[in-house]
PDB file of all heavy atoms in Angstrom:
ATOM      1  N   GLY A   1      -4.999  -8.131  -6.456  1.00  0.00           N
ATOM      2  CA  GLY A   1      -4.524  -7.863  -5.099  1.00  0.00           C
ATOM      3  C   GLY A   1      -3.075  -8.210  -4.841  1.00  0.00           C
ATOM      4  O   GLY A   1      -2.611  -8.093  -3.706  1.00  0.00           O
ATOM      5  N   ASN A   2      -2.340  -8.602  -5.874  1.00  0.00           N
ATOM      6  CA  ASN A   2      -0.915  -8.864  -5.712  1.00  0.00           C
ATOM      7  C   ASN A   2      -0.176  -7.540  -5.555  1.00  0.00           C
ATOM      8  O   ASN A   2      -0.471  -6.574  -6.267  1.00  0.00           O
ATOM      9  CB  ASN A   2      -0.360  -9.625  -6.903  1.00  0.00           C
ATOM     10  CG  ASN A   2      -1.006 -10.994  -7.041  1.00  0.00           C
ATOM     11  OD1 ASN A   2      -1.195 -11.696  -6.057  1.00  0.00           O
ATOM     12  ND2 ASN A   2      -1.352 -11.374  -8.263  1.00  0.00           N
ATOM     13  N   THR A   3       0.795  -7.511  -4.657  1.00  0.00           N
ATOM     14  CA  THR A   3       1.465  -6.247  -4.341  1.00  0.00           C
ATOM     15  C   THR A   3       2.971  -6.315  -4.577  1.00  0.00           C
ATOM     16  O   THR A   3       3.586  -7.381  -4.499  1.00  0.00           O
ATOM     17  CB  THR A   3       1.210  -5.844  -2.878  1.00  0.00           C
ATOM     18  OG1 THR A   3       1.709  -6.879  -2.015  1.00  0.00           O
ATOM     19  CG2 THR A   3      -0.269  -5.640  -2.611  1.00  0.00           C
ATOM     20  N   ASN A   4       3.549  -5.151  -4.860  1.00  0.00           N
ATOM     21  CA  ASN A   4       4.989  -4.994  -4.993  1.00  0.00           C
ATOM     22  C   ASN A   4       5.385  -3.647  -4.409  1.00  0.00           C
ATOM     23  O   ASN A   4       4.606  -2.683  -4.469  1.00  0.00           O
ATOM     24  CB  ASN A   4       5.421  -5.057  -6.464  1.00  0.00           C
ATOM     25  CG  ASN A   4       5.442  -6.474  -6.975  1.00  0.00           C
ATOM     26  OD1 ASN A   4       6.289  -7.268  -6.601  1.00  0.00           O
ATOM     27  ND2 ASN A   4       4.484  -6.786  -7.839  1.00  0.00           N
ATOM     28  N   TYR A   5       6.615  -3.579  -3.878  1.00  0.00           N
ATOM     29  CA  TYR A   5       7.088  -2.361  -3.234  1.00  0.00           C
ATOM     30  C   TYR A   5       8.521  -2.043  -3.633  1.00  0.00           C
ATOM     31  O   TYR A   5       9.317  -2.941  -3.899  1.00  0.00           O
ATOM     32  CB  TYR A   5       7.051  -2.526  -1.708  1.00  0.00           C
ATOM     33  CG  TYR A   5       5.688  -2.783  -1.148  1.00  0.00           C
ATOM     34  CD1 TYR A   5       5.220  -4.072  -0.958  1.00  0.00           C
ATOM     35  CD2 TYR A   5       4.855  -1.714  -0.801  1.00  0.00           C
ATOM     36  CE1 TYR A   5       3.951  -4.307  -0.452  1.00  0.00           C
ATOM     37  CE2 TYR A   5       3.594  -1.945  -0.288  1.00  0.00           C
ATOM     38  CZ  TYR A   5       3.152  -3.237  -0.121  1.00  0.00           C
ATOM     39  OH  TYR A   5       1.882  -3.459   0.385  1.00  0.00           O
ATOM     40  N   ALA A   6       8.823  -0.764  -3.652  1.00  0.00           N
ATOM     41  CA  ALA A   6      10.207  -0.344  -3.782  1.00  0.00           C
ATOM     42  C   ALA A   6      10.963  -0.776  -2.533  1.00  0.00           C
ATOM     43  O   ALA A   6      10.397  -0.788  -1.425  1.00  0.00           O
ATOM     44  CB  ALA A   6      10.276   1.171  -3.945  1.00  0.00           C
ATOM     45  N   ASP A   7      12.245  -1.091  -2.710  1.00  0.00           N
ATOM     46  CA  ASP A   7      13.041  -1.539  -1.569  1.00  0.00           C
ATOM     47  C   ASP A   7      13.053  -0.505  -0.440  1.00  0.00           C
ATOM     48  O   ASP A   7      13.101  -0.855   0.739  1.00  0.00           O
ATOM     49  CB  ASP A   7      14.471  -1.837  -2.017  1.00  0.00           C
ATOM     50  CG  ASP A   7      14.565  -3.109  -2.842  1.00  0.00           C
ATOM     51  OD1 ASP A   7      13.622  -3.925  -2.803  1.00  0.00           O
ATOM     52  OD2 ASP A   7      15.588  -3.281  -3.530  1.00  0.00           O
ATOM     53  N   SER A   8      13.021   0.747  -0.810  1.00  0.00           N
ATOM     54  CA  SER A   8      13.128   1.822   0.173  1.00  0.00           C
ATOM     55  C   SER A   8      11.922   1.910   1.115  1.00  0.00           C
ATOM     56  O   SER A   8      12.010   2.538   2.178  1.00  0.00           O
ATOM     57  CB  SER A   8      13.326   3.164  -0.519  1.00  0.00           C
ATOM     58  OG  SER A   8      12.241   3.430  -1.396  1.00  0.00           O
ATOM     59  N   VAL A   9      10.797   1.283   0.740  1.00  0.00           N
ATOM     60  CA  VAL A   9       9.594   1.391   1.572  1.00  0.00           C
ATOM     61  C   VAL A   9       9.094   0.041   2.083  1.00  0.00           C
ATOM     62  O   VAL A   9       8.128  -0.009   2.844  1.00  0.00           O
ATOM     63  CB  VAL A   9       8.442   2.109   0.828  1.00  0.00           C
ATOM     64  CG1 VAL A   9       8.917   3.459   0.304  1.00  0.00           C
ATOM     65  CG2 VAL A   9       7.876   1.248  -0.294  1.00  0.00           C
ATOM     66  N   LYS A  10       9.753  -1.042   1.688  1.00  0.00           N
ATOM     67  CA  LYS A  10       9.321  -2.362   2.130  1.00  0.00           C
ATOM     68  C   LYS A  10       9.312  -2.456   3.649  1.00  0.00           C
ATOM     69  O   LYS A  10      10.265  -2.033   4.308  1.00  0.00           O
ATOM     70  CB  LYS A  10      10.245  -3.432   1.548  1.00  0.00           C
ATOM     71  CG  LYS A  10       9.927  -3.819   0.126  1.00  0.00           C
ATOM     72  CD  LYS A  10      10.864  -4.914  -0.358  1.00  0.00           C
ATOM     73  CE  LYS A  10      10.566  -5.274  -1.804  1.00  0.00           C
ATOM     74  NZ  LYS A  10      11.510  -6.301  -2.326  1.00  0.00           N
ATOM     75  N   GLY A  11       8.245  -3.014   4.176  1.00  0.00           N
ATOM     76  CA  GLY A  11       8.102  -3.156   5.621  1.00  0.00           C
ATOM     77  C   GLY A  11       7.552  -1.928   6.312  1.00  0.00           C
ATOM     78  O   GLY A  11       7.231  -1.975   7.510  1.00  0.00           O
ATOM     79  N   ARG A  12       7.460  -0.813   5.597  1.00  0.00           N
ATOM     80  CA  ARG A  12       6.927   0.424   6.188  1.00  0.00           C
ATOM     81  C   ARG A  12       5.632   0.869   5.536  1.00  0.00           C
ATOM     82  O   ARG A  12       4.772   1.451   6.205  1.00  0.00           O
ATOM     83  CB  ARG A  12       7.958   1.550   6.073  1.00  0.00           C
ATOM     84  CG  ARG A  12       9.274   1.262   6.763  1.00  0.00           C
ATOM     85  CD  ARG A  12      10.183   2.491   6.781  1.00  0.00           C
ATOM     86  NE  ARG A  12      10.536   2.948   5.437  1.00  0.00           N
ATOM     87  CZ  ARG A  12      10.254   4.159   4.970  1.00  0.00           C
ATOM     88  NH1 ARG A  12       9.621   5.037   5.738  1.00  0.00           N
ATOM     89  NH2 ARG A  12      10.627   4.501   3.752  1.00  0.00           N
ATOM     90  N   PHE A  13       5.496   0.660   4.230  1.00  0.00           N
ATOM     91  CA  PHE A  13       4.305   1.084   3.485  1.00  0.00           C
ATOM     92  C   PHE A  13       3.473  -0.140   3.122  1.00  0.00           C
ATOM     93  O   PHE A  13       4.007  -1.218   2.855  1.00  0.00           O
ATOM     94  CB  PHE A  13       4.707   1.793   2.203  1.00  0.00           C
ATOM     95  CG  PHE A  13       5.317   3.160   2.385  1.00  0.00           C
ATOM     96  CD1 PHE A  13       5.739   3.622   3.623  1.00  0.00           C
ATOM     97  CD2 PHE A  13       5.487   3.995   1.283  1.00  0.00           C
ATOM     98  CE1 PHE A  13       6.298   4.881   3.778  1.00  0.00           C
ATOM     99  CE2 PHE A  13       6.050   5.250   1.422  1.00  0.00           C
ATOM    100  CZ  PHE A  13       6.466   5.694   2.662  1.00  0.00           C
ATOM    101  N   THR A  14       2.160   0.073   3.063  1.00  0.00           N
ATOM    102  CA  THR A  14       1.247  -0.990   2.660  1.00  0.00           C
ATOM    103  C   THR A  14       0.246  -0.433   1.656  1.00  0.00           C
ATOM    104  O   THR A  14      -0.458   0.539   1.951  1.00  0.00           O
ATOM    105  CB  THR A  14       0.480  -1.551   3.865  1.00  0.00           C
ATOM    106  OG1 THR A  14       1.409  -2.021   4.852  1.00  0.00           O
ATOM    107  CG2 THR A  14      -0.415  -2.714   3.429  1.00  0.00           C
ATOM    108  N   ILE A  15       0.204  -1.055   0.482  1.00  0.00           N
ATOM    109  CA  ILE A  15      -0.766  -0.659  -0.533  1.00  0.00           C
ATOM    110  C   ILE A  15      -1.962  -1.598  -0.451  1.00  0.00           C
ATOM    111  O   ILE A  15      -1.823  -2.791  -0.192  1.00  0.00           O
ATOM    112  CB  ILE A  15      -0.137  -0.681  -1.943  1.00  0.00           C
ATOM    113  CG1 ILE A  15      -1.071  -0.036  -2.973  1.00  0.00           C
ATOM    114  CG2 ILE A  15       0.274  -2.084  -2.356  1.00  0.00           C
ATOM    115  CD1 ILE A  15      -0.417   0.175  -4.339  1.00  0.00           C
ATOM    116  N   SER A  16      -3.146  -1.043  -0.648  1.00  0.00           N
ATOM    117  CA  SER A  16      -4.361  -1.854  -0.599  1.00  0.00           C
ATOM    118  C   SER A  16      -5.420  -1.210  -1.492  1.00  0.00           C
ATOM    119  O   SER A  16      -5.214  -0.117  -2.032  1.00  0.00           O
ATOM    120  CB  SER A  16      -4.874  -1.975   0.840  1.00  0.00           C
ATOM    121  OG  SER A  16      -5.228  -0.712   1.362  1.00  0.00           O
ATOM    122  N   ARG A  17      -6.540  -1.907  -1.624  1.00  0.00           N
ATOM    123  CA  ARG A  17      -7.623  -1.371  -2.437  1.00  0.00           C
ATOM    124  C   ARG A  17      -8.953  -1.835  -1.873  1.00  0.00           C
ATOM    125  O   ARG A  17      -9.060  -2.914  -1.285  1.00  0.00           O
ATOM    126  CB  ARG A  17      -7.474  -1.809  -3.890  1.00  0.00           C
ATOM    127  CG  ARG A  17      -7.543  -3.310  -4.128  1.00  0.00           C
ATOM    128  CD  ARG A  17      -7.121  -3.667  -5.559  1.00  0.00           C
ATOM    129  NE  ARG A  17      -8.008  -3.026  -6.523  1.00  0.00           N
ATOM    130  CZ  ARG A  17      -7.638  -2.743  -7.776  1.00  0.00           C
ATOM    131  NH1 ARG A  17      -6.424  -3.045  -8.199  1.00  0.00           N
ATOM    132  NH2 ARG A  17      -8.501  -2.183  -8.597  1.00  0.00           N
ATOM    133  N   ASP A  18      -9.985  -0.998  -2.077  1.00  0.00           N
ATOM    134  CA  ASP A  18     -11.354  -1.344  -1.717  1.00  0.00           C
ATOM    135  C   ASP A  18     -12.183  -1.140  -2.973  1.00  0.00           C
ATOM    136  O   ASP A  18     -12.564  -0.008  -3.300  1.00  0.00           O
ATOM    137  CB  ASP A  18     -11.843  -0.456  -0.572  1.00  0.00           C
ATOM    138  CG  ASP A  18     -13.223  -0.847  -0.073  1.00  0.00           C
ATOM    139  OD1 ASP A  18     -13.980  -1.488  -0.840  1.00  0.00           O
ATOM    140  OD2 ASP A  18     -13.549  -0.517   1.067  1.00  0.00           O
ATOM    141  N   ASN A  19     -12.435  -2.223  -3.689  1.00  0.00           N
ATOM    142  CA  ASN A  19     -13.130  -2.113  -4.969  1.00  0.00           C
ATOM    143  C   ASN A  19     -14.565  -1.608  -4.801  1.00  0.00           C
ATOM    144  O   ASN A  19     -15.100  -0.951  -5.705  1.00  0.00           O
ATOM    145  CB  ASN A  19     -13.126  -3.450  -5.684  1.00  0.00           C
ATOM    146  CG  ASN A  19     -11.735  -3.851  -6.160  1.00  0.00           C
ATOM    147  OD1 ASN A  19     -10.872  -3.002  -6.392  1.00  0.00           O
ATOM    148  ND2 ASN A  19     -11.516  -5.152  -6.281  1.00  0.00           N
ATOM    149  N   ALA A  20     -15.179  -1.894  -3.667  1.00  0.00           N
ATOM    150  CA  ALA A  20     -16.547  -1.416  -3.434  1.00  0.00           C
ATOM    151  C   ALA A  20     -16.595   0.106  -3.333  1.00  0.00           C
ATOM    152  O   ALA A  20     -17.628   0.716  -3.608  1.00  0.00           O
ATOM    153  CB  ALA A  20     -17.106  -2.044  -2.171  1.00  0.00           C
ATOM    154  N   LYS A  21     -15.469   0.705  -2.942  1.00  0.00           N
ATOM    155  CA  LYS A  21     -15.401   2.167  -2.802  1.00  0.00           C
ATOM    156  C   LYS A  21     -14.619   2.816  -3.938  1.00  0.00           C
ATOM    157  O   LYS A  21     -14.373   4.024  -3.894  1.00  0.00           O
ATOM    158  CB  LYS A  21     -14.768   2.532  -1.460  1.00  0.00           C
ATOM    159  CG  LYS A  21     -15.579   2.103  -0.250  1.00  0.00           C
ATOM    160  CD  LYS A  21     -14.918   2.557   1.047  1.00  0.00           C
ATOM    161  CE  LYS A  21     -15.771   2.163   2.246  1.00  0.00           C
ATOM    162  NZ  LYS A  21     -15.142   2.592   3.537  1.00  0.00           N
ATOM    163  N   ASN A  22     -14.186   2.011  -4.919  1.00  0.00           N
ATOM    164  CA  ASN A  22     -13.387   2.545  -6.038  1.00  0.00           C
ATOM    165  C   ASN A  22     -12.173   3.322  -5.536  1.00  0.00           C
ATOM    166  O   ASN A  22     -11.830   4.381  -6.083  1.00  0.00           O
ATOM    167  CB  ASN A  22     -14.239   3.457  -6.928  1.00  0.00           C
ATOM    168  CG  ASN A  22     -15.305   2.702  -7.687  1.00  0.00           C
ATOM    169  OD1 ASN A  22     -15.183   1.506  -7.925  1.00  0.00           O
ATOM    170  ND2 ASN A  22     -16.359   3.398  -8.055  1.00  0.00           N
ATOM    171  N   THR A  23     -11.538   2.803  -4.513  1.00  0.00           N
ATOM    172  CA  THR A  23     -10.475   3.541  -3.840  1.00  0.00           C
ATOM    173  C   THR A  23      -9.244   2.675  -3.610  1.00  0.00           C
ATOM    174  O   THR A  23      -9.362   1.525  -3.181  1.00  0.00           O
ATOM    175  CB  THR A  23     -10.975   4.090  -2.490  1.00  0.00           C
ATOM    176  OG1 THR A  23     -12.116   4.929  -2.714  1.00  0.00           O
ATOM    177  CG2 THR A  23      -9.889   4.897  -1.800  1.00  0.00           C
ATOM    178  N   GLY A  24      -8.097   3.270  -3.886  1.00  0.00           N
ATOM    179  CA  GLY A  24      -6.818   2.673  -3.537  1.00  0.00           C
ATOM    180  C   GLY A  24      -6.218   3.420  -2.368  1.00  0.00           C
ATOM    181  O   GLY A  24      -6.473   4.614  -2.184  1.00  0.00           O
ATOM    182  N   TYR A  25      -5.391   2.719  -1.591  1.00  0.00           N
ATOM    183  CA  TYR A  25      -4.806   3.322  -0.397  1.00  0.00           C
ATOM    184  C   TYR A  25      -3.308   3.062  -0.351  1.00  0.00           C
ATOM    185  O   TYR A  25      -2.810   2.067  -0.878  1.00  0.00           O
ATOM    186  CB  TYR A  25      -5.435   2.726   0.872  1.00  0.00           C
ATOM    187  CG  TYR A  25      -6.919   2.905   0.986  1.00  0.00           C
ATOM    188  CD1 TYR A  25      -7.784   1.876   0.645  1.00  0.00           C
ATOM    189  CD2 TYR A  25      -7.458   4.106   1.446  1.00  0.00           C
ATOM    190  CE1 TYR A  25      -9.159   2.041   0.748  1.00  0.00           C
ATOM    191  CE2 TYR A  25      -8.836   4.276   1.554  1.00  0.00           C
ATOM    192  CZ  TYR A  25      -9.673   3.241   1.202  1.00  0.00           C
ATOM    193  OH  TYR A  25     -11.035   3.411   1.312  1.00  0.00           O
ATOM    194  N   LEU A  26      -2.605   3.965   0.318  1.00  0.00           N
ATOM    195  CA  LEU A  26      -1.206   3.753   0.646  1.00  0.00           C
ATOM    196  C   LEU A  26      -1.039   4.113   2.113  1.00  0.00           C
ATOM    197  O   LEU A  26      -1.090   5.297   2.469  1.00  0.00           O
ATOM    198  CB  LEU A  26      -0.278   4.587  -0.224  1.00  0.00           C
ATOM    199  CG  LEU A  26       1.209   4.321  -0.012  1.00  0.00           C
ATOM    200  CD1 LEU A  26       1.574   2.906  -0.484  1.00  0.00           C
ATOM    201  CD2 LEU A  26       2.068   5.345  -0.755  1.00  0.00           C
ATOM    202  N   GLN A  27      -0.886   3.099   2.957  1.00  0.00           N
ATOM    203  CA  GLN A  27      -0.627   3.309   4.368  1.00  0.00           C
ATOM    204  C   GLN A  27       0.875   3.448   4.563  1.00  0.00           C
ATOM    205  O   GLN A  27       1.635   2.552   4.183  1.00  0.00           O
ATOM    206  CB  GLN A  27      -1.151   2.132   5.199  1.00  0.00           C
ATOM    207  CG  GLN A  27      -0.844   2.208   6.674  1.00  0.00           C
ATOM    208  CD  GLN A  27      -1.588   3.340   7.369  1.00  0.00           C
ATOM    209  OE1 GLN A  27      -2.762   3.577   7.097  1.00  0.00           O
ATOM    210  NE2 GLN A  27      -0.908   4.030   8.278  1.00  0.00           N
ATOM    211  N   MET A  28       1.297   4.563   5.129  1.00  0.00           N
ATOM    212  CA  MET A  28       2.714   4.855   5.291  1.00  0.00           C
ATOM    213  C   MET A  28       3.025   4.969   6.785  1.00  0.00           C
ATOM    214  O   MET A  28       2.507   5.858   7.457  1.00  0.00           O
ATOM    215  CB  MET A  28       3.061   6.155   4.572  1.00  0.00           C
ATOM    216  CG  MET A  28       2.664   6.155   3.101  1.00  0.00           C
ATOM    217  SD  MET A  28       3.225   7.616   2.214  1.00  0.00           S
ATOM    218  CE  MET A  28       2.289   8.877   3.051  1.00  0.00           C
ATOM    219  N   ASP A  29       3.838   4.061   7.271  1.00  0.00           N
ATOM    220  CA  ASP A  29       4.233   4.041   8.679  1.00  0.00           C
ATOM    221  C   ASP A  29       5.751   4.258   8.802  1.00  0.00           C
ATOM    222  O   ASP A  29       6.473   4.126   7.814  1.00  0.00           O
ATOM    223  CB  ASP A  29       3.847   2.704   9.321  1.00  0.00           C
ATOM    224  CG  ASP A  29       2.360   2.447   9.294  1.00  0.00           C
ATOM    225  OD1 ASP A  29       1.592   3.386   9.596  1.00  0.00           O
ATOM    226  OD2 ASP A  29       1.949   1.314   8.965  1.00  0.00           O
ATOM    227  N   SER A  30       6.180   4.572   9.993  1.00  0.00           N
ATOM    228  CA  SER A  30       7.613   4.789  10.254  1.00  0.00           C
ATOM    229  C   SER A  30       8.218   5.737   9.231  1.00  0.00           C
ATOM    230  O   SER A  30       9.282   5.471   8.658  1.00  0.00           O
ATOM    231  CB  SER A  30       8.370   3.459  10.249  1.00  0.00           C
ATOM    232  OG  SER A  30       7.836   2.568  11.202  1.00  0.00           O
ATOM    233  N   LEU A  31       7.537   6.818   9.007  1.00  0.00           N
ATOM    234  CA  LEU A  31       7.965   7.762   7.965  1.00  0.00           C
ATOM    235  C   LEU A  31       9.307   8.399   8.302  1.00  0.00           C
ATOM    236  O   LEU A  31       9.626   8.668   9.472  1.00  0.00           O
ATOM    237  CB  LEU A  31       6.894   8.829   7.760  1.00  0.00           C
ATOM    238  CG  LEU A  31       5.694   8.365   6.928  1.00  0.00           C
ATOM    239  CD1 LEU A  31       4.502   9.274   7.143  1.00  0.00           C
ATOM    240  CD2 LEU A  31       6.063   8.304   5.460  1.00  0.00           C
TER     241      LEU A  31
END
């Protein structure tokens, strides 16, 4: 669950995962 981001998206994008659903996510705000 450790995360890293490109400088260009820090503070706007959030990466996460739900292992129970075998799914990764990328929440993108302030596009």
